[in-house]
Structures are given as C-alpha cells and as structure tokens.
Amino acid sequence: MDYKDKLNGVFPPCATIFQDGTEAVAYDKIRENLEKYNQTKIRGFMPLGTNGEFRSLTDEESLKVIEVYTRYRDASKTILAGAGRESVRATIETIKRYADLGVDFASLLPPHYFAAAMSDDALVRYYTSVADESPVPVLLYNIPKYAGGVTISADLVRRVAEHPNIAGMKDTSSEPLVPYIKAVPDESNFYILAGTINKFYQGLQHGAVGGVLSIADYLPEKCCELQSIHEEGTAEEAASFDVWIRKLSSNAAGKYGVPGVKAAMDIVGYAGGSPRLPLFPLTEEQKAGLRAALEAEGMA
C-alpha cells in the first residue's frame, strides 16, 4: 500500500463530545459531527487525540468512540486513531482492539512517564517493536508539551522511516517542520503531516502531504481550500490564504486550546459543548470574543 493515498489531505483531530451536566460521552453528537464531516472534502478523521481528550476517557469509552467512527464514516475517509500507551505491550493490545473495529492507522504519542529514559534508541525500539506486531500501519505523534517534553528528533524519523509498517508522523511540536521532511529517506513510504495550521502551508511547500489541524474541527472546508489552492492555484493565492487562515486561527480558538475549539464548533454549527473536568469551558466573555472573531471573517 502507498500510504500517501490515504494520508494526502486534511484531518480534523476530532473532539469527543460530552453531555451537559453528566459529562457522559454523547455518542449521538459525535455521530452528528461525523456525518457533517462526511460531506466535506477532508481526507479523514483523527479521533482520540489531544482535541479528543483521550486521557480523560476510559478504555471502554475510547472503544465506543472508535465504533462510532468506523461505523458511520464515509467509505472514502481514513481513520487515524490515537492509540499510544506507555508500554509496547499495552500499545499493541490497544491497536489490535481498534483495528478489529476497522481503523486504518494508529497514531502513537511517545511514551513519556519515564521521560528521562526516552532516548532516541528507546523510542526507536518502542516504535519498531509496536510496528512489528501492529495489524495496521502506525504514525508517530510529536507533541512534546503533552508528552512530558519528549521530542521526536529528525534523526529518529530517519531511523524508523523505512520500517514497512511505520507510515509517517504528525508534527505538532515547536520544532521547525522542514528538517523532519528532509530526514525522510528517498523512496520510503513515510509521510509528514503538519500538526498545526501555522505549519501547514510551509509543510505542503516542502513535501508534507497534509495536516491534522485543530481549526479543521470547525472550519474543515477552509483548510481543504488552502491545500487545493496550493496544489492547483498560484503561489501568491496560496500564500495570501495561508496568512488569512493563520490570523483567523490566532484571533479565534487558537489561543484557548481544546475548550476554544469546542466553543468554535458550537458557534459554526457543529456539536462542541464543554470539555471534561478538570478542563473548564470558556467564559461567556471569551465565547463572545470568539464569536466576534469568526463573524468578522464571515465564518459565523
């Protein structure tokens, strides 16, 4: 399989929706969002990532969330399921459960409880050991601020990129994206996905194949439009659109994290709701400012 075919495009890192008052997972609301996303040009979905508040879910809830995606996704869409655990064994077992339900890829945050021990050698062994036994291809997920500071290096990318069951990496770090792209050996079946809108266009210019973008949770078509302009329009058009969408993200939900993304989803017509405690939802004042930012650009 050429992994590029399934990874080329935009993926929302999908929010997990909770019922007001009880904080129970609102699987019906997740389905409603999914069915709306199915009508857009996104390449697929990433459930159980940071925006999916996966650390706040039980294993049973996580399985049920995956069931919703595999049952109701359009057949043309790809599912990248967050499945990283702290040990090789636990990660493999989690992936097998998700693969049985029909996910296409497993996205793996690096183990980080023993962060000081997570050298490149340790991480190479983790990722290759998991990939050796995983029933689906795996992706590295580089986001040090939510991984105890553990950072995937460009050299680590080079060392694992030729494993036949390691498909690529989502990069949401503060590191420059281009060195990761350049570290990928020629002819390998390994692809880079930008993990933020601020890296998306630059990544596309240098060989990234797509992005897993928080702003795609509430403006999926605009993210797809940027990639389309890059591929089919002029460089000037793409650069101008990139400036516009990055500014919009910064002025809107970008500064509020997961609660902001969920509030923006509510404003534009998706189900967002409140995050699960200990996260707090936005204040009414913050929501008003977010709405104003979106309305100013004709997005709400």
C-alpha atoms as a PDB file:
ATOM      1  CA  MET A   1       0.000   0.000   0.000  1.00  0.00           C
ATOM      2  CA  ASP A   2       1.188   3.505  -0.816  1.00  0.00           C
ATOM      3  CA  TYR A   3       0.347   5.285   2.429  1.00  0.00           C
ATOM      4  CA  LYS A   4       0.299   8.653   0.676  1.00  0.00           C
ATOM      5  CA  ASP A   5      -3.033   7.830  -0.947  1.00  0.00           C
ATOM      6  CA  LYS A   6      -4.691   7.579   2.466  1.00  0.00           C
ATOM      7  CA  LEU A   7      -2.818  10.446   4.165  1.00  0.00           C
ATOM      8  CA  ASN A   8      -2.891  13.127   1.475  1.00  0.00           C
ATOM      9  CA  GLY A   9      -5.217  15.825   2.810  1.00  0.00           C
ATOM     10  CA  VAL A  10      -6.800  17.403   5.860  1.00  0.00           C
ATOM     11  CA  PHE A  11      -7.788  15.591   9.049  1.00  0.00           C
ATOM     12  CA  PRO A  12      -9.690  17.189  11.942  1.00  0.00           C
ATOM     13  CA  PRO A  13      -8.386  15.973  15.316  1.00  0.00           C
ATOM     14  CA  CYS A  14     -11.928  15.227  16.349  1.00  0.00           C
ATOM     15  CA  ALA A  15     -13.424  16.390  19.619  1.00  0.00           C
ATOM     16  CA  THR A  16     -15.087  13.971  21.993  1.00  0.00           C
ATOM     17  CA  ILE A  17     -18.472  15.401  22.891  1.00  0.00           C
ATOM     18  CA  PHE A  18     -19.901  15.132  26.403  1.00  0.00           C
ATOM     19  CA  GLN A  19     -23.445  15.513  27.668  1.00  0.00           C
ATOM     20  CA  ASP A  20     -24.138  18.722  29.550  1.00  0.00           C
ATOM     21  CA  GLY A  21     -24.422  18.135  33.267  1.00  0.00           C
ATOM     22  CA  THR A  22     -23.386  14.472  33.425  1.00  0.00           C
ATOM     23  CA  GLU A  23     -20.135  14.526  31.391  1.00  0.00           C
ATOM     24  CA  ALA A  24     -21.136  11.186  29.851  1.00  0.00           C
ATOM     25  CA  VAL A  25     -19.875  10.724  26.302  1.00  0.00           C
ATOM     26  CA  ALA A  26     -22.514  11.928  23.834  1.00  0.00           C
ATOM     27  CA  TYR A  27     -22.007   9.313  21.122  1.00  0.00           C
ATOM     28  CA  ASP A  28     -25.024  10.639  19.204  1.00  0.00           C
ATOM     29  CA  LYS A  29     -23.413  14.066  18.975  1.00  0.00           C
ATOM     30  CA  ILE A  30     -20.150  12.558  17.793  1.00  0.00           C
ATOM     31  CA  ARG A  31     -22.118  10.784  15.068  1.00  0.00           C
ATOM     32  CA  GLU A  32     -23.836  14.042  14.064  1.00  0.00           C
ATOM     33  CA  ASN A  33     -20.482  15.768  13.668  1.00  0.00           C
ATOM     34  CA  LEU A  34     -19.094  12.811  11.760  1.00  0.00           C
ATOM     35  CA  GLU A  35     -21.964  12.818   9.309  1.00  0.00           C
ATOM     36  CA  LYS A  36     -21.397  16.523   8.651  1.00  0.00           C
ATOM     37  CA  TYR A  37     -17.673  15.964   8.159  1.00  0.00           C
ATOM     38  CA  ASN A  38     -18.506  13.181   5.702  1.00  0.00           C
ATOM     39  CA  GLN A  39     -19.992  15.839   3.422  1.00  0.00           C
ATOM     40  CA  THR A  40     -16.753  17.847   3.300  1.00  0.00           C
ATOM     41  CA  LYS A  41     -13.528  17.336   1.355  1.00  0.00           C
ATOM     42  CA  ILE A  42     -11.455  16.277   4.363  1.00  0.00           C
ATOM     43  CA  ARG A  43      -9.341  13.150   3.855  1.00  0.00           C
ATOM     44  CA  GLY A  44     -10.409  11.597   7.119  1.00  0.00           C
ATOM     45  CA  PHE A  45     -10.550  11.800  10.895  1.00  0.00           C
ATOM     46  CA  MET A  46      -8.277  11.579  13.906  1.00  0.00           C
ATOM     47  CA  PRO A  47     -10.318  10.550  16.952  1.00  0.00           C
ATOM     48  CA  LEU A  48      -8.756  10.063  20.398  1.00  0.00           C
ATOM     49  CA  GLY A  49      -6.045  12.664  20.044  1.00  0.00           C
ATOM     50  CA  THR A  50      -5.401  15.758  22.130  1.00  0.00           C
ATOM     51  CA  ASN A  51      -8.590  17.500  20.980  1.00  0.00           C
ATOM     52  CA  GLY A  52     -10.407  14.238  21.629  1.00  0.00           C
ATOM     53  CA  GLU A  53      -9.383  14.471  25.319  1.00  0.00           C
ATOM     54  CA  PHE A  54      -8.287  10.845  25.125  1.00  0.00           C
ATOM     55  CA  ARG A  55      -6.551  10.998  28.506  1.00  0.00           C
ATOM     56  CA  SER A  56      -9.911  11.840  30.072  1.00  0.00           C
ATOM     57  CA  LEU A  57     -11.685   8.769  28.681  1.00  0.00           C
ATOM     58  CA  THR A  58     -11.931   5.241  29.986  1.00  0.00           C
ATOM     59  CA  ASP A  59     -10.777   2.393  27.741  1.00  0.00           C
ATOM     60  CA  GLU A  60     -14.406   1.346  27.287  1.00  0.00           C
ATOM     61  CA  GLU A  61     -15.407   4.868  26.231  1.00  0.00           C
ATOM     62  CA  SER A  62     -12.500   5.015  23.796  1.00  0.00           C
ATOM     63  CA  LEU A  63     -13.595   1.771  22.131  1.00  0.00           C
ATOM     64  CA  LYS A  64     -17.149   3.066  21.788  1.00  0.00           C
ATOM     65  CA  VAL A  65     -15.876   6.308  20.244  1.00  0.00           C
ATOM     66  CA  ILE A  66     -13.916   4.303  17.671  1.00  0.00           C
ATOM     67  CA  GLU A  67     -17.019   2.235  16.951  1.00  0.00           C
ATOM     68  CA  VAL A  68     -18.908   5.397  16.013  1.00  0.00           C
ATOM     69  CA  TYR A  69     -16.195   6.447  13.560  1.00  0.00           C
ATOM     70  CA  THR A  70     -15.763   3.064  11.917  1.00  0.00           C
ATOM     71  CA  ARG A  71     -19.500   2.517  11.621  1.00  0.00           C
ATOM     72  CA  TYR A  72     -20.547   5.907  10.289  1.00  0.00           C
ATOM     73  CA  ARG A  73     -17.549   7.261   8.364  1.00  0.00           C
ATOM     74  CA  ASP A  74     -17.862   7.584   4.620  1.00  0.00           C
ATOM     75  CA  ALA A  75     -16.001   4.698   2.998  1.00  0.00           C
ATOM     76  CA  SER A  76     -13.630   7.135   1.289  1.00  0.00           C
ATOM     77  CA  LYS A  77     -12.393   8.609   4.592  1.00  0.00           C
ATOM     78  CA  THR A  78      -9.309   7.477   6.514  1.00  0.00           C
ATOM     79  CA  ILE A  79      -9.283   6.977  10.293  1.00  0.00           C
ATOM     80  CA  LEU A  80      -6.108   7.741  12.256  1.00  0.00           C
ATOM     81  CA  ALA A  81      -6.864   6.549  15.790  1.00  0.00           C
ATOM     82  CA  GLY A  82      -4.905   7.771  18.791  1.00  0.00           C
ATOM     83  CA  ALA A  83      -3.611   4.607  20.453  1.00  0.00           C
ATOM     84  CA  GLY A  84      -0.343   5.384  22.222  1.00  0.00           C
ATOM     85  CA  ARG A  85       0.261   3.795  25.623  1.00  0.00           C
ATOM     86  CA  GLU A  86       3.245   3.731  27.951  1.00  0.00           C
ATOM     87  CA  SER A  87       4.458   0.238  27.122  1.00  0.00           C
ATOM     88  CA  VAL A  88       4.933  -1.682  23.900  1.00  0.00           C
ATOM     89  CA  ARG A  89       2.593  -4.430  25.099  1.00  0.00           C
ATOM     90  CA  ALA A  90      -0.238  -2.091  26.108  1.00  0.00           C
ATOM     91  CA  THR A  91       0.085  -0.148  22.858  1.00  0.00           C
ATOM     92  CA  ILE A  92      -0.114  -3.287  20.712  1.00  0.00           C
ATOM     93  CA  GLU A  93      -3.158  -4.545  22.606  1.00  0.00           C
ATOM     94  CA  THR A  94      -4.901  -1.186  22.190  1.00  0.00           C
ATOM     95  CA  ILE A  95      -4.163  -1.067  18.469  1.00  0.00           C
ATOM     96  CA  LYS A  96      -5.489  -4.597  17.999  1.00  0.00           C
ATOM     97  CA  ARG A  97      -8.803  -3.639  19.605  1.00  0.00           C
ATOM     98  CA  TYR A  98      -9.128  -0.580  17.363  1.00  0.00           C
ATOM     99  CA  ALA A  99      -8.027  -2.492  14.264  1.00  0.00           C
ATOM    100  CA  ASP A 100     -10.717  -5.100  14.906  1.00  0.00           C
ATOM    101  CA  LEU A 101     -13.224  -2.264  14.623  1.00  0.00           C
ATOM    102  CA  GLY A 102     -11.781  -1.056  11.311  1.00  0.00           C
ATOM    103  CA  VAL A 103      -9.365   1.859  11.838  1.00  0.00           C
ATOM    104  CA  ASP A 104      -6.785   2.459   9.107  1.00  0.00           C
ATOM    105  CA  PHE A 105      -3.820   3.794  11.102  1.00  0.00           C
ATOM    106  CA  ALA A 106      -2.764   4.083  14.742  1.00  0.00           C
ATOM    107  CA  SER A 107      -1.283   7.403  15.870  1.00  0.00           C
ATOM    108  CA  LEU A 108       1.191   6.936  18.716  1.00  0.00           C
ATOM    109  CA  LEU A 109       2.209   9.570  21.223  1.00  0.00           C
ATOM    110  CA  PRO A 110       5.653   8.586  22.524  1.00  0.00           C
ATOM    111  CA  PRO A 111       5.780   7.002  25.988  1.00  0.00           C
ATOM    112  CA  HIS A 112       6.789   9.695  28.462  1.00  0.00           C
ATOM    113  CA  TYR A 113       6.098   8.687  32.053  1.00  0.00           C
ATOM    114  CA  PHE A 114       9.782   7.792  32.247  1.00  0.00           C
ATOM    115  CA  ALA A 115      10.663  10.811  30.135  1.00  0.00           C
ATOM    116  CA  ALA A 116      14.329  10.976  31.135  1.00  0.00           C
ATOM    117  CA  ALA A 117      14.834   7.455  29.789  1.00  0.00           C
ATOM    118  CA  MET A 118      13.227   8.153  26.432  1.00  0.00           C
ATOM    119  CA  SER A 119      16.371   8.439  24.309  1.00  0.00           C
ATOM    120  CA  ASP A 120      16.221   8.065  20.542  1.00  0.00           C
ATOM    121  CA  ASP A 121      17.328   4.464  20.976  1.00  0.00           C
ATOM    122  CA  ALA A 122      14.476   3.791  23.397  1.00  0.00           C
ATOM    123  CA  LEU A 123      11.928   5.406  21.091  1.00  0.00           C
ATOM    124  CA  VAL A 124      13.232   3.592  18.021  1.00  0.00           C
ATOM    125  CA  ARG A 125      12.777   0.337  19.894  1.00  0.00           C
ATOM    126  CA  TYR A 126       9.289   1.334  21.049  1.00  0.00           C
ATOM    127  CA  TYR A 127       8.026   2.342  17.617  1.00  0.00           C
ATOM    128  CA  THR A 128       9.620  -0.525  15.685  1.00  0.00           C
ATOM    129  CA  SER A 129       8.540  -3.120  18.258  1.00  0.00           C
ATOM    130  CA  VAL A 130       4.958  -1.886  18.064  1.00  0.00           C
ATOM    131  CA  ALA A 131       5.052  -1.691  14.276  1.00  0.00           C
ATOM    132  CA  ASP A 132       6.380  -5.257  14.040  1.00  0.00           C
ATOM    133  CA  GLU A 133       3.179  -6.582  15.619  1.00  0.00           C
ATOM    134  CA  SER A 134       0.582  -3.950  14.748  1.00  0.00           C
ATOM    135  CA  PRO A 135      -2.175  -5.109  12.378  1.00  0.00           C
ATOM    136  CA  VAL A 136      -2.390  -1.572  10.928  1.00  0.00           C
ATOM    137  CA  PRO A 137       0.315   0.950   9.978  1.00  0.00           C
ATOM    138  CA  VAL A 138       1.423   3.311  12.737  1.00  0.00           C
ATOM    139  CA  LEU A 139       2.167   7.024  12.809  1.00  0.00           C
ATOM    140  CA  LEU A 140       4.470   8.911  15.161  1.00  0.00           C
ATOM    141  CA  TYR A 141       2.812  11.797  17.020  1.00  0.00           C
ATOM    142  CA  ASN A 142       5.221  14.561  18.007  1.00  0.00           C
ATOM    143  CA  ILE A 143       3.756  16.942  20.597  1.00  0.00           C
ATOM    144  CA  PRO A 144       6.270  17.451  23.419  1.00  0.00           C
ATOM    145  CA  LYS A 145       4.098  19.749  25.535  1.00  0.00           C
ATOM    146  CA  TYR A 146       1.654  16.867  26.075  1.00  0.00           C
ATOM    147  CA  ALA A 147       4.333  14.176  26.241  1.00  0.00           C
ATOM    148  CA  GLY A 148       6.401  15.199  29.233  1.00  0.00           C
ATOM    149  CA  GLY A 149       8.776  17.136  26.995  1.00  0.00           C
ATOM    150  CA  VAL A 150       9.726  14.033  24.982  1.00  0.00           C
ATOM    151  CA  THR A 151      10.568  15.247  21.484  1.00  0.00           C
ATOM    152  CA  ILE A 152      10.857  13.105  18.388  1.00  0.00           C
ATOM    153  CA  SER A 153      14.076  14.089  16.615  1.00  0.00           C
ATOM    154  CA  ALA A 154      14.712  14.307  12.894  1.00  0.00           C
ATOM    155  CA  ASP A 155      17.298  11.540  13.296  1.00  0.00           C
ATOM    156  CA  LEU A 156      14.664   9.321  14.902  1.00  0.00           C
ATOM    157  CA  VAL A 157      12.438   9.926  11.881  1.00  0.00           C
ATOM    158  CA  ARG A 158      15.298   8.897   9.594  1.00  0.00           C
ATOM    159  CA  ARG A 159      15.870   5.699  11.581  1.00  0.00           C
ATOM    160  CA  VAL A 160      12.269   4.471  11.585  1.00  0.00           C
ATOM    161  CA  ALA A 161      11.055   5.804   8.224  1.00  0.00           C
ATOM    162  CA  GLU A 162      11.954   2.699   6.249  1.00  0.00           C
ATOM    163  CA  HIS A 163      10.059   0.306   8.514  1.00  0.00           C
ATOM    164  CA  PRO A 164       7.309  -1.059   6.244  1.00  0.00           C
ATOM    165  CA  ASN A 165       4.609  -0.642   8.904  1.00  0.00           C
ATOM    166  CA  ILE A 166       5.513   2.911  10.010  1.00  0.00           C
ATOM    167  CA  ALA A 167       3.636   5.286   7.734  1.00  0.00           C
ATOM    168  CA  GLY A 168       4.598   8.774   8.873  1.00  0.00           C
ATOM    169  CA  MET A 169       4.406  11.402  11.579  1.00  0.00           C
ATOM    170  CA  LYS A 170       2.115  14.147  12.738  1.00  0.00           C
ATOM    171  CA  ASP A 171       4.250  17.047  13.986  1.00  0.00           C
ATOM    172  CA  THR A 172       2.702  19.437  16.494  1.00  0.00           C
ATOM    173  CA  SER A 173       5.971  20.423  18.129  1.00  0.00           C
ATOM    174  CA  SER A 174       7.623  23.830  18.242  1.00  0.00           C
ATOM    175  CA  GLU A 175      10.476  22.413  16.175  1.00  0.00           C
ATOM    176  CA  PRO A 176      10.815  23.518  12.524  1.00  0.00           C
ATOM    177  CA  LEU A 177       8.916  21.156  10.239  1.00  0.00           C
ATOM    178  CA  VAL A 178      11.259  21.162   7.249  1.00  0.00           C
ATOM    179  CA  PRO A 179      14.119  19.193   8.903  1.00  0.00           C
ATOM    180  CA  TYR A 180      11.675  16.365   9.595  1.00  0.00           C
ATOM    181  CA  ILE A 181      10.610  16.314   5.957  1.00  0.00           C
ATOM    182  CA  LYS A 182      14.220  16.321   4.775  1.00  0.00           C
ATOM    183  CA  ALA A 183      15.098  13.486   7.170  1.00  0.00           C
ATOM    184  CA  VAL A 184      12.755  11.082   5.372  1.00  0.00           C
ATOM    185  CA  PRO A 185      14.866   8.838   3.097  1.00  0.00           C
ATOM    186  CA  ASP A 186      14.125   8.972  -0.614  1.00  0.00           C
ATOM    187  CA  GLU A 187      11.687   6.353  -1.852  1.00  0.00           C
ATOM    188  CA  SER A 188      10.481   5.471   1.646  1.00  0.00           C
ATOM    189  CA  ASN A 189       6.756   5.009   2.233  1.00  0.00           C
ATOM    190  CA  PHE A 190       6.737   7.534   5.097  1.00  0.00           C
ATOM    191  CA  TYR A 191       4.949  10.893   5.070  1.00  0.00           C
ATOM    192  CA  ILE A 192       4.824  14.008   7.215  1.00  0.00           C
ATOM    193  CA  LEU A 193       1.578  15.644   8.343  1.00  0.00           C
ATOM    194  CA  ALA A 194       1.620  19.149   9.782  1.00  0.00           C
ATOM    195  CA  GLY A 195       0.014  19.246  13.211  1.00  0.00           C
ATOM    196  CA  THR A 196      -0.886  22.946  13.317  1.00  0.00           C
ATOM    197  CA  ILE A 197      -2.248  25.465  10.848  1.00  0.00           C
ATOM    198  CA  ASN A 198       0.885  27.547  11.388  1.00  0.00           C
ATOM    199  CA  LYS A 199       2.983  24.740   9.863  1.00  0.00           C
ATOM    200  CA  PHE A 200       0.513  23.562   7.245  1.00  0.00           C
ATOM    201  CA  TYR A 201       1.288  25.651   4.170  1.00  0.00           C
ATOM    202  CA  GLN A 202       5.034  25.676   4.755  1.00  0.00           C
ATOM    203  CA  GLY A 203       4.882  21.923   5.139  1.00  0.00           C
ATOM    204  CA  LEU A 204       2.977  21.496   1.884  1.00  0.00           C
ATOM    205  CA  GLN A 205       5.581  23.633   0.108  1.00  0.00           C
ATOM    206  CA  HIS A 206       8.375  21.321   1.243  1.00  0.00           C
ATOM    207  CA  GLY A 207       6.743  17.934   0.828  1.00  0.00           C
ATOM    208  CA  ALA A 208       4.281  17.324   3.652  1.00  0.00           C
ATOM    209  CA  VAL A 209       1.198  15.543   2.331  1.00  0.00           C
ATOM    210  CA  GLY A 210      -1.448  17.031   4.613  1.00  0.00           C
ATOM    211  CA  GLY A 211      -2.301  18.161   8.095  1.00  0.00           C
ATOM    212  CA  VAL A 212      -4.113  17.215  11.285  1.00  0.00           C
ATOM    213  CA  LEU A 213      -5.372  20.666  12.185  1.00  0.00           C
ATOM    214  CA  SER A 214      -7.417  21.880  15.156  1.00  0.00           C
ATOM    215  CA  ILE A 215      -9.028  24.596  13.055  1.00  0.00           C
ATOM    216  CA  ALA A 216     -10.365  21.835  10.789  1.00  0.00           C
ATOM    217  CA  ASP A 217     -12.642  20.806  13.656  1.00  0.00           C
ATOM    218  CA  TYR A 218     -14.733  23.898  12.965  1.00  0.00           C
ATOM    219  CA  LEU A 219     -13.595  25.133   9.521  1.00  0.00           C
ATOM    220  CA  PRO A 220     -12.736  21.938   7.639  1.00  0.00           C
ATOM    221  CA  GLU A 221     -13.533  23.235   4.182  1.00  0.00           C
ATOM    222  CA  LYS A 222     -11.270  26.272   4.602  1.00  0.00           C
ATOM    223  CA  CYS A 223      -8.335  24.012   5.461  1.00  0.00           C
ATOM    224  CA  CYS A 224      -9.073  21.867   2.420  1.00  0.00           C
ATOM    225  CA  GLU A 225      -9.291  25.023   0.313  1.00  0.00           C
ATOM    226  CA  LEU A 226      -5.769  26.051   1.318  1.00  0.00           C
ATOM    227  CA  GLN A 227      -4.353  22.699   0.206  1.00  0.00           C
ATOM    228  CA  SER A 228      -6.361  22.871  -3.013  1.00  0.00           C
ATOM    229  CA  ILE A 229      -5.052  26.353  -3.810  1.00  0.00           C
ATOM    230  CA  HIS A 230      -1.514  25.173  -3.100  1.00  0.00           C
ATOM    231  CA  GLU A 231      -1.925  22.233  -5.486  1.00  0.00           C
ATOM    232  CA  GLU A 232      -3.950  23.895  -8.217  1.00  0.00           C
ATOM    233  CA  GLY A 233      -3.697  27.688  -7.842  1.00  0.00           C
ATOM    234  CA  THR A 234      -0.888  30.200  -7.758  1.00  0.00           C
ATOM    235  CA  ALA A 235       1.768  30.610  -5.092  1.00  0.00           C
ATOM    236  CA  GLU A 236       0.535  34.140  -4.445  1.00  0.00           C
ATOM    237  CA  GLU A 237      -3.035  32.959  -3.851  1.00  0.00           C
ATOM    238  CA  ALA A 238      -1.896  30.197  -1.522  1.00  0.00           C
ATOM    239  CA  ALA A 239       0.414  32.482   0.464  1.00  0.00           C
ATOM    240  CA  SER A 240      -2.359  35.053   0.895  1.00  0.00           C
ATOM    241  CA  PHE A 241      -4.863  32.414   2.017  1.00  0.00           C
ATOM    242  CA  ASP A 242      -2.301  31.000   4.430  1.00  0.00           C
ATOM    243  CA  VAL A 243      -1.824  34.404   6.078  1.00  0.00           C
ATOM    244  CA  TRP A 244      -5.586  34.838   6.358  1.00  0.00           C
ATOM    245  CA  ILE A 245      -6.341  31.456   7.933  1.00  0.00           C
ATOM    246  CA  ARG A 246      -3.406  31.597  10.371  1.00  0.00           C
ATOM    247  CA  LYS A 247      -4.522  35.036  11.541  1.00  0.00           C
ATOM    248  CA  LEU A 248      -8.082  33.791  11.925  1.00  0.00           C
ATOM    249  CA  SER A 249      -6.916  30.825  13.983  1.00  0.00           C
ATOM    250  CA  SER A 250      -4.832  33.076  16.223  1.00  0.00           C
ATOM    251  CA  ASN A 251      -7.691  35.528  16.753  1.00  0.00           C
ATOM    252  CA  ALA A 252     -10.297  32.807  17.260  1.00  0.00           C
ATOM    253  CA  ALA A 253      -9.907  29.478  19.054  1.00  0.00           C
ATOM    254  CA  GLY A 254      -6.149  29.073  18.728  1.00  0.00           C
ATOM    255  CA  LYS A 255      -5.370  30.836  21.988  1.00  0.00           C
ATOM    256  CA  TYR A 256      -7.869  28.831  24.047  1.00  0.00           C
ATOM    257  CA  GLY A 257      -6.843  25.225  23.359  1.00  0.00           C
ATOM    258  CA  VAL A 258      -9.396  22.412  23.470  1.00  0.00           C
ATOM    259  CA  PRO A 259     -12.153  24.460  25.199  1.00  0.00           C
ATOM    260  CA  GLY A 260     -11.790  27.114  22.490  1.00  0.00           C
ATOM    261  CA  VAL A 261     -12.024  24.597  19.669  1.00  0.00           C
ATOM    262  CA  LYS A 262     -15.192  23.173  21.196  1.00  0.00           C
ATOM    263  CA  ALA A 263     -16.716  26.630  21.614  1.00  0.00           C
ATOM    264  CA  ALA A 264     -15.908  27.468  17.985  1.00  0.00           C
ATOM    265  CA  MET A 265     -17.559  24.235  16.879  1.00  0.00           C
ATOM    266  CA  ASP A 266     -20.746  25.262  18.694  1.00  0.00           C
ATOM    267  CA  ILE A 267     -20.688  28.684  17.047  1.00  0.00           C
ATOM    268  CA  VAL A 268     -20.363  27.405  13.465  1.00  0.00           C
ATOM    269  CA  GLY A 269     -22.932  24.615  13.792  1.00  0.00           C
ATOM    270  CA  TYR A 270     -21.086  21.524  14.981  1.00  0.00           C
ATOM    271  CA  ALA A 271     -21.602  19.991  18.415  1.00  0.00           C
ATOM    272  CA  GLY A 272     -18.803  21.073  20.719  1.00  0.00           C
ATOM    273  CA  GLY A 273     -20.030  21.501  24.244  1.00  0.00           C
ATOM    274  CA  SER A 274     -17.869  21.611  27.338  1.00  0.00           C
ATOM    275  CA  PRO A 275     -14.661  19.707  27.956  1.00  0.00           C
ATOM    276  CA  ARG A 276     -14.482  17.121  30.706  1.00  0.00           C
ATOM    277  CA  LEU A 277     -13.195  18.232  34.087  1.00  0.00           C
ATOM    278  CA  PRO A 278     -10.610  19.294  35.113  1.00  0.00           C
ATOM    279  CA  LEU A 279     -10.742  21.475  31.963  1.00  0.00           C
ATOM    280  CA  PHE A 280     -13.120  24.422  32.152  1.00  0.00           C
ATOM    281  CA  PRO A 281     -15.239  25.717  29.267  1.00  0.00           C
ATOM    282  CA  LEU A 282     -14.739  29.240  28.010  1.00  0.00           C
ATOM    283  CA  THR A 283     -16.383  32.066  29.916  1.00  0.00           C
ATOM    284  CA  GLU A 284     -19.295  33.875  28.308  1.00  0.00           C
ATOM    285  CA  GLU A 285     -16.983  36.819  27.669  1.00  0.00           C
ATOM    286  CA  GLN A 286     -14.468  34.585  25.931  1.00  0.00           C
ATOM    287  CA  LYS A 287     -17.207  32.970  23.842  1.00  0.00           C
ATOM    288  CA  ALA A 288     -18.440  36.406  22.779  1.00  0.00           C
ATOM    289  CA  GLY A 289     -14.943  37.378  21.680  1.00  0.00           C
ATOM    290  CA  LEU A 290     -14.577  34.135  19.772  1.00  0.00           C
ATOM    291  CA  ARG A 291     -17.903  34.655  18.021  1.00  0.00           C
ATOM    292  CA  ALA A 292     -16.913  38.199  17.114  1.00  0.00           C
ATOM    293  CA  ALA A 293     -13.636  36.999  15.583  1.00  0.00           C
ATOM    294  CA  LEU A 294     -15.417  34.408  13.480  1.00  0.00           C
ATOM    295  CA  GLU A 295     -18.211  36.771  12.444  1.00  0.00           C
ATOM    296  CA  ALA A 296     -15.683  39.411  11.392  1.00  0.00           C
ATOM    297  CA  GLU A 297     -14.418  36.970   8.748  1.00  0.00           C
ATOM    298  CA  GLY A 298     -17.868  35.760   7.721  1.00  0.00           C
ATOM    299  CA  MET A 299     -17.374  32.367   9.362  1.00  0.00           C
ATOM    300  CA  ALA A 300     -20.323  32.541  11.783  1.00  0.00           C
END
